[in-house]
Amino acid sequence: MISRPLYLRARNEDKLQTTATAVASAGAEPLVYPLDLREAASADIVVKGTLGRFGRIDALLNIAGAVPQIDLFEMTDAQWDDGMALKLHGARRLTIRAWDALKLRGALLY
């Protein structure tokens, strides 16, 4: 059983709700945000919302992002850049916004 609240963030709201249901079934309280971390404001929304609801951030797992599932030699620079914007900039922004809260808790970063 999961004993802590979990924040969930994704662009696909249907899949996000499915995951939230599974999290709730495991005994945790999910906080759902259908956001795109490629948008700079999303990191602020996530961190402020999480702190407002739960009062703390214990850990941050940056696992968002993927490049299109196509042959590397067929992928355009724009497709590659879009995936990197989510993986790298999204993770960086979220980490920066959450950093003070994470330090207060002695939290781990993954």
PDB file of N, CA and C in Angstrom:
ATOM      1  N   MET A   1       0.832  -1.181   0.000  1.00  0.00           N
ATOM      2  CA  MET A   1       0.000   0.000   0.000  1.00  0.00           C
ATOM      3  C   MET A   1       0.878   1.245   0.000  1.00  0.00           C
ATOM      4  N   ILE A   2       0.514   2.221  -0.783  1.00  0.00           N
ATOM      5  CA  ILE A   2       1.216   3.491  -0.841  1.00  0.00           C
ATOM      6  C   ILE A   2       0.633   4.398   0.225  1.00  0.00           C
ATOM      7  N   SER A   3       1.484   4.955   1.083  1.00  0.00           N
ATOM      8  CA  SER A   3       0.967   5.739   2.200  1.00  0.00           C
ATOM      9  C   SER A   3       1.042   7.242   1.985  1.00  0.00           C
ATOM     10  N   ARG A   4       1.618   7.670   0.872  1.00  0.00           N
ATOM     11  CA  ARG A   4       1.777   9.103   0.647  1.00  0.00           C
ATOM     12  C   ARG A   4       0.927   9.554  -0.527  1.00  0.00           C
ATOM     13  N   PRO A   5       0.594  10.846  -0.531  1.00  0.00           N
ATOM     14  CA  PRO A   5      -0.116  11.379  -1.700  1.00  0.00           C
ATOM     15  C   PRO A   5       0.823  11.409  -2.903  1.00  0.00           C
ATOM     16  N   LEU A   6       0.263  11.227  -4.075  1.00  0.00           N
ATOM     17  CA  LEU A   6       1.045  11.239  -5.307  1.00  0.00           C
ATOM     18  C   LEU A   6       0.497  12.272  -6.265  1.00  0.00           C
ATOM     19  N   TYR A   7       1.378  13.052  -6.814  1.00  0.00           N
ATOM     20  CA  TYR A   7       1.015  13.992  -7.865  1.00  0.00           C
ATOM     21  C   TYR A   7       1.221  13.292  -9.200  1.00  0.00           C
ATOM     22  N   LEU A   8       0.251  13.386 -10.085  1.00  0.00           N
ATOM     23  CA  LEU A   8       0.326  12.783 -11.414  1.00  0.00           C
ATOM     24  C   LEU A   8       0.185  13.876 -12.457  1.00  0.00           C
ATOM     25  N   ARG A   9       1.072  13.859 -13.447  1.00  0.00           N
ATOM     26  CA  ARG A   9       1.045  14.859 -14.493  1.00  0.00           C
ATOM     27  C   ARG A   9       1.239  14.179 -15.833  1.00  0.00           C
ATOM     28  N   ALA A  10       0.369  14.500 -16.792  1.00  0.00           N
ATOM     29  CA  ALA A  10       0.495  13.957 -18.145  1.00  0.00           C
ATOM     30  C   ALA A  10      -0.345  14.795 -19.093  1.00  0.00           C
ATOM     31  N   ARG A  11      -0.080  14.625 -20.387  1.00  0.00           N
ATOM     32  CA  ARG A  11      -0.861  15.348 -21.395  1.00  0.00           C
ATOM     33  C   ARG A  11      -2.135  14.602 -21.748  1.00  0.00           C
ATOM     34  N   ASN A  12      -2.138  13.277 -21.666  1.00  0.00           N
ATOM     35  CA  ASN A  12      -3.290  12.465 -22.044  1.00  0.00           C
ATOM     36  C   ASN A  12      -4.181  12.274 -20.825  1.00  0.00           C
ATOM     37  N   GLU A  13      -5.272  13.015 -20.784  1.00  0.00           N
ATOM     38  CA  GLU A  13      -6.110  13.014 -19.583  1.00  0.00           C
ATOM     39  C   GLU A  13      -6.771  11.658 -19.329  1.00  0.00           C
ATOM     40  N   ASP A  14      -7.159  10.931 -20.369  1.00  0.00           N
ATOM     41  CA  ASP A  14      -7.775   9.612 -20.171  1.00  0.00           C
ATOM     42  C   ASP A  14      -6.815   8.651 -19.482  1.00  0.00           C
ATOM     43  N   LYS A  15      -5.589   8.585 -19.973  1.00  0.00           N
ATOM     44  CA  LYS A  15      -4.587   7.702 -19.357  1.00  0.00           C
ATOM     45  C   LYS A  15      -4.246   8.183 -17.949  1.00  0.00           C
ATOM     46  N   LEU A  16      -4.228   9.467 -17.770  1.00  0.00           N
ATOM     47  CA  LEU A  16      -3.941  10.034 -16.465  1.00  0.00           C
ATOM     48  C   LEU A  16      -5.012   9.641 -15.453  1.00  0.00           C
ATOM     49  N   GLN A  17      -6.266   9.705 -15.848  1.00  0.00           N
ATOM     50  CA  GLN A  17      -7.358   9.318 -14.945  1.00  0.00           C
ATOM     51  C   GLN A  17      -7.313   7.827 -14.617  1.00  0.00           C
ATOM     52  N   THR A  18      -6.934   7.009 -15.593  1.00  0.00           N
ATOM     53  CA  THR A  18      -6.788   5.570 -15.348  1.00  0.00           C
ATOM     54  C   THR A  18      -5.709   5.327 -14.296  1.00  0.00           C
ATOM     55  N   THR A  19      -4.590   6.027 -14.430  1.00  0.00           N
ATOM     56  CA  THR A  19      -3.513   5.898 -13.452  1.00  0.00           C
ATOM     57  C   THR A  19      -3.949   6.412 -12.090  1.00  0.00           C
ATOM     58  N   ALA A  20      -4.676   7.512 -12.058  1.00  0.00           N
ATOM     59  CA  ALA A  20      -5.160   8.068 -10.792  1.00  0.00           C
ATOM     60  C   ALA A  20      -6.073   7.087 -10.075  1.00  0.00           C
ATOM     61  N   THR A  21      -6.902   6.392 -10.815  1.00  0.00           N
ATOM     62  CA  THR A  21      -7.782   5.385 -10.226  1.00  0.00           C
ATOM     63  C   THR A  21      -6.965   4.261  -9.599  1.00  0.00           C
ATOM     64  N   ALA A  22      -5.926   3.826 -10.286  1.00  0.00           N
ATOM     65  CA  ALA A  22      -5.063   2.768  -9.754  1.00  0.00           C
ATOM     66  C   ALA A  22      -4.331   3.242  -8.502  1.00  0.00           C
ATOM     67  N   VAL A  23      -3.877   4.484  -8.503  1.00  0.00           N
ATOM     68  CA  VAL A  23      -3.190   5.046  -7.341  1.00  0.00           C
ATOM     69  C   VAL A  23      -4.148   5.106  -6.154  1.00  0.00           C
ATOM     70  N   ALA A  24      -5.360   5.576  -6.383  1.00  0.00           N
ATOM     71  CA  ALA A  24      -6.352   5.652  -5.306  1.00  0.00           C
ATOM     72  C   ALA A  24      -6.691   4.258  -4.776  1.00  0.00           C
ATOM     73  N   SER A  25      -6.761   3.276  -5.677  1.00  0.00           N
ATOM     74  CA  SER A  25      -7.044   1.894  -5.258  1.00  0.00           C
ATOM     75  C   SER A  25      -5.938   1.335  -4.378  1.00  0.00           C
ATOM     76  N   ALA A  26      -4.715   1.841  -4.565  1.00  0.00           N
ATOM     77  CA  ALA A  26      -3.585   1.390  -3.763  1.00  0.00           C
ATOM     78  C   ALA A  26      -3.505   2.115  -2.425  1.00  0.00           C
ATOM     79  N   GLY A  27      -4.418   3.061  -2.194  1.00  0.00           N
ATOM     80  CA  GLY A  27      -4.481   3.732  -0.904  1.00  0.00           C
ATOM     81  C   GLY A  27      -3.827   5.100  -0.845  1.00  0.00           C
ATOM     82  N   ALA A  28      -3.406   5.642  -1.966  1.00  0.00           N
ATOM     83  CA  ALA A  28      -2.793   6.976  -1.976  1.00  0.00           C
ATOM     84  C   ALA A  28      -3.779   7.987  -2.533  1.00  0.00           C
ATOM     85  N   GLU A  29      -3.500   9.248  -2.274  1.00  0.00           N
ATOM     86  CA  GLU A  29      -4.346  10.326  -2.772  1.00  0.00           C
ATOM     87  C   GLU A  29      -3.685  10.937  -3.998  1.00  0.00           C
ATOM     88  N   PRO A  30      -4.253  10.751  -5.188  1.00  0.00           N
ATOM     89  CA  PRO A  30      -3.642  11.345  -6.385  1.00  0.00           C
ATOM     90  C   PRO A  30      -4.062  12.798  -6.566  1.00  0.00           C
ATOM     91  N   LEU A  31      -3.143  13.589  -7.079  1.00  0.00           N
ATOM     92  CA  LEU A  31      -3.408  14.966  -7.478  1.00  0.00           C
ATOM     93  C   LEU A  31      -3.126  15.015  -8.970  1.00  0.00           C
ATOM     94  N   VAL A  32      -4.153  15.242  -9.763  1.00  0.00           N
ATOM     95  CA  VAL A  32      -4.067  15.082 -11.210  1.00  0.00           C
ATOM     96  C   VAL A  32      -3.952  16.431 -11.911  1.00  0.00           C
ATOM     97  N   TYR A  33      -2.979  16.529 -12.805  1.00  0.00           N
ATOM     98  CA  TYR A  33      -2.789  17.719 -13.633  1.00  0.00           C
ATOM     99  C   TYR A  33      -2.627  17.308 -15.090  1.00  0.00           C
ATOM    100  N   PRO A  34      -3.603  17.573 -15.954  1.00  0.00           N
ATOM    101  CA  PRO A  34      -3.418  17.312 -17.389  1.00  0.00           C
ATOM    102  C   PRO A  34      -2.689  18.493 -18.047  1.00  0.00           C
ATOM    103  N   LEU A  35      -1.373  18.512 -17.889  1.00  0.00           N
ATOM    104  CA  LEU A  35      -0.547  19.620 -18.375  1.00  0.00           C
ATOM    105  C   LEU A  35       0.534  19.119 -19.322  1.00  0.00           C
ATOM    106  N   ASP A  36       1.110  20.036 -20.040  1.00  0.00           N
ATOM    107  CA  ASP A  36       2.221  19.746 -20.941  1.00  0.00           C
ATOM    108  C   ASP A  36       3.446  20.477 -20.405  1.00  0.00           C
ATOM    109  N   LEU A  37       4.452  19.739 -19.949  1.00  0.00           N
ATOM    110  CA  LEU A  37       5.630  20.361 -19.356  1.00  0.00           C
ATOM    111  C   LEU A  37       6.517  21.077 -20.368  1.00  0.00           C
ATOM    112  N   ARG A  38       6.164  20.999 -21.632  1.00  0.00           N
ATOM    113  CA  ARG A  38       6.882  21.821 -22.612  1.00  0.00           C
ATOM    114  C   ARG A  38       6.517  23.286 -22.433  1.00  0.00           C
ATOM    115  N   GLU A  39       5.386  23.542 -21.807  1.00  0.00           N
ATOM    116  CA  GLU A  39       4.939  24.903 -21.517  1.00  0.00           C
ATOM    117  C   GLU A  39       5.531  25.334 -20.178  1.00  0.00           C
ATOM    118  N   ALA A  40       6.263  26.424 -20.183  1.00  0.00           N
ATOM    119  CA  ALA A  40       7.004  26.860 -18.999  1.00  0.00           C
ATOM    120  C   ALA A  40       6.114  27.045 -17.767  1.00  0.00           C
ATOM    121  N   ALA A  41       4.915  27.532 -17.940  1.00  0.00           N
ATOM    122  CA  ALA A  41       4.026  27.794 -16.799  1.00  0.00           C
ATOM    123  C   ALA A  41       3.576  26.514 -16.099  1.00  0.00           C
ATOM    124  N   SER A  42       3.651  25.385 -16.769  1.00  0.00           N
ATOM    125  CA  SER A  42       3.185  24.121 -16.184  1.00  0.00           C
ATOM    126  C   SER A  42       3.940  23.753 -14.915  1.00  0.00           C
ATOM    127  N   ALA A  43       5.238  23.985 -14.893  1.00  0.00           N
ATOM    128  CA  ALA A  43       6.026  23.637 -13.705  1.00  0.00           C
ATOM    129  C   ALA A  43       5.563  24.424 -12.484  1.00  0.00           C
ATOM    130  N   ASP A  44       5.264  25.698 -12.673  1.00  0.00           N
ATOM    131  CA  ASP A  44       4.762  26.505 -11.557  1.00  0.00           C
ATOM    132  C   ASP A  44       3.416  25.996 -11.064  1.00  0.00           C
ATOM    133  N   ILE A  45       2.544  25.642 -11.981  1.00  0.00           N
ATOM    134  CA  ILE A  45       1.222  25.130 -11.614  1.00  0.00           C
ATOM    135  C   ILE A  45       1.369  23.855 -10.789  1.00  0.00           C
ATOM    136  N   VAL A  46       2.225  22.969 -11.234  1.00  0.00           N
ATOM    137  CA  VAL A  46       2.430  21.690 -10.545  1.00  0.00           C
ATOM    138  C   VAL A  46       2.974  21.903  -9.137  1.00  0.00           C
ATOM    139  N   VAL A  47       4.027  22.679  -9.013  1.00  0.00           N
ATOM    140  CA  VAL A  47       4.667  22.858  -7.710  1.00  0.00           C
ATOM    141  C   VAL A  47       3.750  23.614  -6.756  1.00  0.00           C
ATOM    142  N   LYS A  48       3.178  24.704  -7.197  1.00  0.00           N
ATOM    143  CA  LYS A  48       2.278  25.470  -6.325  1.00  0.00           C
ATOM    144  C   LYS A  48       1.064  24.644  -5.923  1.00  0.00           C
ATOM    145  N   GLY A  49       0.506  23.900  -6.874  1.00  0.00           N
ATOM    146  CA  GLY A  49      -0.650  23.071  -6.568  1.00  0.00           C
ATOM    147  C   GLY A  49      -0.329  21.955  -5.595  1.00  0.00           C
ATOM    148  N   THR A  50       0.816  21.330  -5.778  1.00  0.00           N
ATOM    149  CA  THR A  50       1.231  20.242  -4.895  1.00  0.00           C
ATOM    150  C   THR A  50       1.477  20.758  -3.480  1.00  0.00           C
ATOM    151  N   LEU A  51       2.201  21.864  -3.373  1.00  0.00           N
ATOM    152  CA  LEU A  51       2.456  22.441  -2.047  1.00  0.00           C
ATOM    153  C   LEU A  51       1.167  22.938  -1.404  1.00  0.00           C
ATOM    154  N   GLY A  52       0.278  23.508  -2.205  1.00  0.00           N
ATOM    155  CA  GLY A  52      -0.996  23.975  -1.671  1.00  0.00           C
ATOM    156  C   GLY A  52      -1.860  22.842  -1.146  1.00  0.00           C
ATOM    157  N   ARG A  53      -1.838  21.725  -1.819  1.00  0.00           N
ATOM    158  CA  ARG A  53      -2.688  20.587  -1.432  1.00  0.00           C
ATOM    159  C   ARG A  53      -2.067  19.730  -0.338  1.00  0.00           C
ATOM    160  N   PHE A  54      -0.754  19.441  -0.460  1.00  0.00           N
ATOM    161  CA  PHE A  54      -0.113  18.496   0.449  1.00  0.00           C
ATOM    162  C   PHE A  54       0.888  19.148   1.406  1.00  0.00           C
ATOM    163  N   GLY A  55       1.285  20.384   1.120  1.00  0.00           N
ATOM    164  CA  GLY A  55       2.181  21.090   2.020  1.00  0.00           C
ATOM    165  C   GLY A  55       3.649  20.748   1.905  1.00  0.00           C
ATOM    166  N   ARG A  56       3.980  19.800   1.039  1.00  0.00           N
ATOM    167  CA  ARG A  56       5.384  19.406   0.904  1.00  0.00           C
ATOM    168  C   ARG A  56       5.581  18.608  -0.379  1.00  0.00           C
ATOM    169  N   ILE A  57       6.850  18.468  -0.756  1.00  0.00           N
ATOM    170  CA  ILE A  57       7.239  17.594  -1.864  1.00  0.00           C
ATOM    171  C   ILE A  57       8.373  16.728  -1.340  1.00  0.00           C
ATOM    172  N   ASP A  58       8.161  15.429  -1.282  1.00  0.00           N
ATOM    173  CA  ASP A  58       9.150  14.501  -0.740  1.00  0.00           C
ATOM    174  C   ASP A  58      10.124  13.984  -1.790  1.00  0.00           C
ATOM    175  N   ALA A  59       9.673  13.861  -3.015  1.00  0.00           N
ATOM    176  CA  ALA A  59      10.522  13.325  -4.078  1.00  0.00           C
ATOM    177  C   ALA A  59      10.004  13.833  -5.415  1.00  0.00           C
ATOM    178  N   LEU A  60      10.891  13.878  -6.382  1.00  0.00           N
ATOM    179  CA  LEU A  60      10.533  14.318  -7.720  1.00  0.00           C
ATOM    180  C   LEU A  60      11.077  13.302  -8.714  1.00  0.00           C
ATOM    181  N   LEU A  61      10.191  12.708  -9.482  1.00  0.00           N
ATOM    182  CA  LEU A  61      10.590  11.764 -10.521  1.00  0.00           C
ATOM    183  C   LEU A  61      10.289  12.391 -11.864  1.00  0.00           C
ATOM    184  N   ASN A  62      11.314  12.702 -12.609  1.00  0.00           N
ATOM    185  CA  ASN A  62      11.155  13.297 -13.931  1.00  0.00           C
ATOM    186  C   ASN A  62      11.222  12.182 -14.971  1.00  0.00           C
ATOM    187  N   ILE A  63      10.069  11.657 -15.351  1.00  0.00           N
ATOM    188  CA  ILE A  63      10.043  10.552 -16.306  1.00  0.00           C
ATOM    189  C   ILE A  63       9.202  10.880 -17.536  1.00  0.00           C
ATOM    190  N   ALA A  64       8.883  12.142 -17.717  1.00  0.00           N
ATOM    191  CA  ALA A  64       8.061  12.543 -18.859  1.00  0.00           C
ATOM    192  C   ALA A  64       8.886  12.548 -20.136  1.00  0.00           C
ATOM    193  N   GLY A  65       8.206  12.325 -21.220  1.00  0.00           N
ATOM    194  CA  GLY A  65       8.823  12.573 -22.512  1.00  0.00           C
ATOM    195  C   GLY A  65       9.117  11.348 -23.333  1.00  0.00           C
ATOM    196  N   ALA A  66       9.010  11.554 -24.608  1.00  0.00           N
ATOM    197  CA  ALA A  66       9.338  10.513 -25.567  1.00  0.00           C
ATOM    198  C   ALA A  66       9.455  11.152 -26.936  1.00  0.00           C
ATOM    199  N   VAL A  67      10.300  10.595 -27.737  1.00  0.00           N
ATOM    200  CA  VAL A  67      10.352  11.014 -29.132  1.00  0.00           C
ATOM    201  C   VAL A  67       9.376  10.128 -29.895  1.00  0.00           C
ATOM    202  N   PRO A  68       8.931  10.562 -31.057  1.00  0.00           N
ATOM    203  CA  PRO A  68       7.978   9.748 -31.825  1.00  0.00           C
ATOM    204  C   PRO A  68       8.529   8.347 -32.095  1.00  0.00           C
ATOM    205  N   GLN A  69       7.659   7.392 -32.074  1.00  0.00           N
ATOM    206  CA  GLN A  69       8.062   6.004 -32.305  1.00  0.00           C
ATOM    207  C   GLN A  69       8.160   5.723 -33.805  1.00  0.00           C
ATOM    208  N   ILE A  70       9.104   6.401 -34.425  1.00  0.00           N
ATOM    209  CA  ILE A  70       9.352   6.200 -35.848  1.00  0.00           C
ATOM    210  C   ILE A  70      10.841   5.973 -36.055  1.00  0.00           C
ATOM    211  N   ASP A  71      11.182   5.516 -37.210  1.00  0.00           N
ATOM    212  CA  ASP A  71      12.567   5.266 -37.556  1.00  0.00           C
ATOM    213  C   ASP A  71      13.388   6.545 -37.381  1.00  0.00           C
ATOM    214  N   LEU A  72      14.522   6.431 -36.737  1.00  0.00           N
ATOM    215  CA  LEU A  72      15.387   7.576 -36.499  1.00  0.00           C
ATOM    216  C   LEU A  72      15.729   8.319 -37.785  1.00  0.00           C
ATOM    217  N   PHE A  73      15.888   7.588 -38.867  1.00  0.00           N
ATOM    218  CA  PHE A  73      16.274   8.198 -40.138  1.00  0.00           C
ATOM    219  C   PHE A  73      15.107   8.892 -40.832  1.00  0.00           C
ATOM    220  N   GLU A  74      13.885   8.652 -40.350  1.00  0.00           N
ATOM    221  CA  GLU A  74      12.707   9.319 -40.892  1.00  0.00           C
ATOM    222  C   GLU A  74      12.273  10.507 -40.037  1.00  0.00           C
ATOM    223  N   MET A  75      12.816  10.589 -38.826  1.00  0.00           N
ATOM    224  CA  MET A  75      12.415  11.634 -37.889  1.00  0.00           C
ATOM    225  C   MET A  75      12.972  12.989 -38.338  1.00  0.00           C
ATOM    226  N   THR A  76      12.122  14.003 -38.268  1.00  0.00           N
ATOM    227  CA  THR A  76      12.556  15.355 -38.614  1.00  0.00           C
ATOM    228  C   THR A  76      13.226  16.007 -37.398  1.00  0.00           C
ATOM    229  N   ASP A  77      13.971  17.060 -37.642  1.00  0.00           N
ATOM    230  CA  ASP A  77      14.564  17.807 -36.539  1.00  0.00           C
ATOM    231  C   ASP A  77      13.480  18.361 -35.620  1.00  0.00           C
ATOM    232  N   ALA A  78      12.381  18.801 -36.187  1.00  0.00           N
ATOM    233  CA  ALA A  78      11.282  19.355 -35.380  1.00  0.00           C
ATOM    234  C   ALA A  78      10.704  18.287 -34.452  1.00  0.00           C
ATOM    235  N   GLN A  79      10.551  17.060 -34.936  1.00  0.00           N
ATOM    236  CA  GLN A  79      10.036  15.980 -34.092  1.00  0.00           C
ATOM    237  C   GLN A  79      11.015  15.665 -32.961  1.00  0.00           C
ATOM    238  N   TRP A  80      12.282  15.613 -33.279  1.00  0.00           N
ATOM    239  CA  TRP A  80      13.305  15.359 -32.265  1.00  0.00           C
ATOM    240  C   TRP A  80      13.323  16.486 -31.229  1.00  0.00           C
ATOM    241  N   ASP A  81      13.316  17.730 -31.690  1.00  0.00           N
ATOM    242  CA  ASP A  81      13.347  18.883 -30.792  1.00  0.00           C
ATOM    243  C   ASP A  81      12.134  18.919 -29.872  1.00  0.00           C
ATOM    244  N   ASP A  82      10.972  18.528 -30.375  1.00  0.00           N
ATOM    245  CA  ASP A  82       9.764  18.511 -29.564  1.00  0.00           C
ATOM    246  C   ASP A  82       9.915  17.522 -28.410  1.00  0.00           C
ATOM    247  N   GLY A  83      10.438  16.354 -28.692  1.00  0.00           N
ATOM    248  CA  GLY A  83      10.665  15.361 -27.638  1.00  0.00           C
ATOM    249  C   GLY A  83      11.676  15.838 -26.611  1.00  0.00           C
ATOM    250  N   MET A  84      12.716  16.488 -27.081  1.00  0.00           N
ATOM    251  CA  MET A  84      13.739  16.993 -26.165  1.00  0.00           C
ATOM    252  C   MET A  84      13.216  18.152 -25.317  1.00  0.00           C
ATOM    253  N   ALA A  85      12.332  18.965 -25.880  1.00  0.00           N
ATOM    254  CA  ALA A  85      11.745  20.058 -25.108  1.00  0.00           C
ATOM    255  C   ALA A  85      10.998  19.513 -23.902  1.00  0.00           C
ATOM    256  N   LEU A  86      10.302  18.424 -24.096  1.00  0.00           N
ATOM    257  CA  LEU A  86       9.563  17.826 -22.995  1.00  0.00           C
ATOM    258  C   LEU A  86      10.510  17.146 -22.016  1.00  0.00           C
ATOM    259  N   LYS A  87      11.407  16.317 -22.512  1.00  0.00           N
ATOM    260  CA  LYS A  87      12.304  15.570 -21.627  1.00  0.00           C
ATOM    261  C   LYS A  87      13.261  16.465 -20.862  1.00  0.00           C
ATOM    262  N   LEU A  88      13.934  17.335 -21.560  1.00  0.00           N
ATOM    263  CA  LEU A  88      14.993  18.116 -20.923  1.00  0.00           C
ATOM    264  C   LEU A  88      14.490  19.410 -20.296  1.00  0.00           C
ATOM    265  N   HIS A  89      13.816  20.247 -21.056  1.00  0.00           N
ATOM    266  CA  HIS A  89      13.348  21.509 -20.491  1.00  0.00           C
ATOM    267  C   HIS A  89      12.268  21.281 -19.441  1.00  0.00           C
ATOM    268  N   GLY A  90      11.365  20.360 -19.697  1.00  0.00           N
ATOM    269  CA  GLY A  90      10.312  20.082 -18.723  1.00  0.00           C
ATOM    270  C   GLY A  90      10.884  19.612 -17.397  1.00  0.00           C
ATOM    271  N   ALA A  91      11.815  18.673 -17.450  1.00  0.00           N
ATOM    272  CA  ALA A  91      12.443  18.157 -16.229  1.00  0.00           C
ATOM    273  C   ALA A  91      13.240  19.247 -15.518  1.00  0.00           C
ATOM    274  N   ARG A  92      13.962  20.043 -16.277  1.00  0.00           N
ATOM    275  CA  ARG A  92      14.764  21.120 -15.692  1.00  0.00           C
ATOM    276  C   ARG A  92      13.872  22.144 -14.997  1.00  0.00           C
ATOM    277  N   ARG A  93      12.819  22.569 -15.683  1.00  0.00           N
ATOM    278  CA  ARG A  93      11.918  23.570 -15.089  1.00  0.00           C
ATOM    279  C   ARG A  93      11.258  23.043 -13.824  1.00  0.00           C
ATOM    280  N   LEU A  94      10.786  21.822 -13.875  1.00  0.00           N
ATOM    281  CA  LEU A  94      10.114  21.250 -12.715  1.00  0.00           C
ATOM    282  C   LEU A  94      11.081  21.120 -11.540  1.00  0.00           C
ATOM    283  N   THR A  95      12.288  20.684 -11.803  1.00  0.00           N
ATOM    284  CA  THR A  95      13.290  20.555 -10.745  1.00  0.00           C
ATOM    285  C   THR A  95      13.618  21.908 -10.133  1.00  0.00           C
ATOM    286  N   ILE A  96      13.818  22.920 -10.963  1.00  0.00           N
ATOM    287  CA  ILE A  96      14.134  24.256 -10.467  1.00  0.00           C
ATOM    288  C   ILE A  96      13.001  24.791  -9.599  1.00  0.00           C
ATOM    289  N   ARG A  97      11.752  24.642 -10.067  1.00  0.00           N
ATOM    290  CA  ARG A  97      10.605  25.162  -9.313  1.00  0.00           C
ATOM    291  C   ARG A  97      10.419  24.429  -7.984  1.00  0.00           C
ATOM    292  N   ALA A  98      10.717  23.134  -7.959  1.00  0.00           N
ATOM    293  CA  ALA A  98      10.492  22.329  -6.753  1.00  0.00           C
ATOM    294  C   ALA A  98      11.700  22.303  -5.815  1.00  0.00           C
ATOM    295  N   TRP A  99      12.821  22.838  -6.249  1.00  0.00           N
ATOM    296  CA  TRP A  99      14.074  22.670  -5.524  1.00  0.00           C
ATOM    297  C   TRP A  99      14.004  23.100  -4.063  1.00  0.00           C
ATOM    298  N   ASP A 100      13.468  24.282  -3.772  1.00  0.00           N
ATOM    299  CA  ASP A 100      13.412  24.755  -2.388  1.00  0.00           C
ATOM    300  C   ASP A 100      12.586  23.815  -1.514  1.00  0.00           C
ATOM    301  N   ALA A 101      11.455  23.365  -2.020  1.00  0.00           N
ATOM    302  CA  ALA A 101      10.599  22.441  -1.261  1.00  0.00           C
ATOM    303  C   ALA A 101      11.301  21.098  -1.057  1.00  0.00           C
ATOM    304  N   LEU A 102      12.014  20.645  -2.062  1.00  0.00           N
ATOM    305  CA  LEU A 102      12.730  19.377  -1.951  1.00  0.00           C
ATOM    306  C   LEU A 102      13.854  19.467  -0.932  1.00  0.00           C
ATOM    307  N   LYS A 103      14.585  20.561  -0.907  1.00  0.00           N
ATOM    308  CA  LYS A 103      15.665  20.729   0.061  1.00  0.00           C
ATOM    309  C   LYS A 103      15.137  20.724   1.496  1.00  0.00           C
ATOM    310  N   LEU A 104      13.986  21.328   1.705  1.00  0.00           N
ATOM    311  CA  LEU A 104      13.395  21.359   3.038  1.00  0.00           C
ATOM    312  C   LEU A 104      13.121  19.958   3.568  1.00  0.00           C
ATOM    313  N   ARG A 105      12.776  19.054   2.672  1.00  0.00           N
ATOM    314  CA  ARG A 105      12.420  17.690   3.073  1.00  0.00           C
ATOM    315  C   ARG A 105      13.599  16.725   3.026  1.00  0.00           C
ATOM    316  N   GLY A 106      14.750  17.193   2.536  1.00  0.00           N
ATOM    317  CA  GLY A 106      15.870  16.278   2.356  1.00  0.00           C
ATOM    318  C   GLY A 106      15.524  15.230   1.323  1.00  0.00           C
ATOM    319  N   ALA A 107      14.764  15.666   0.315  1.00  0.00           N
ATOM    320  CA  ALA A 107      14.188  14.741  -0.651  1.00  0.00           C
ATOM    321  C   ALA A 107      15.214  14.202  -1.639  1.00  0.00           C
ATOM    322  N   LEU A 108      14.823  13.140  -2.305  1.00  0.00           N
ATOM    323  CA  LEU A 108      15.644  12.498  -3.318  1.00  0.00           C
ATOM    324  C   LEU A 108      15.164  12.899  -4.696  1.00  0.00           C
ATOM    325  N   LEU A 109      16.089  13.020  -5.618  1.00  0.00           N
ATOM    326  CA  LEU A 109      15.753  13.315  -7.009  1.00  0.00           C
ATOM    327  C   LEU A 109      16.071  12.101  -7.852  1.00  0.00           C
ATOM    328  N   TYR A 110      15.154  11.776  -8.758  1.00  0.00           N
ATOM    329  CA  TYR A 110      15.354  10.640  -9.667  1.00  0.00           C
ATOM    330  C   TYR A 110      15.177  11.106 -11.079  1.00  0.00           C
TER     331      TYR A 110
END
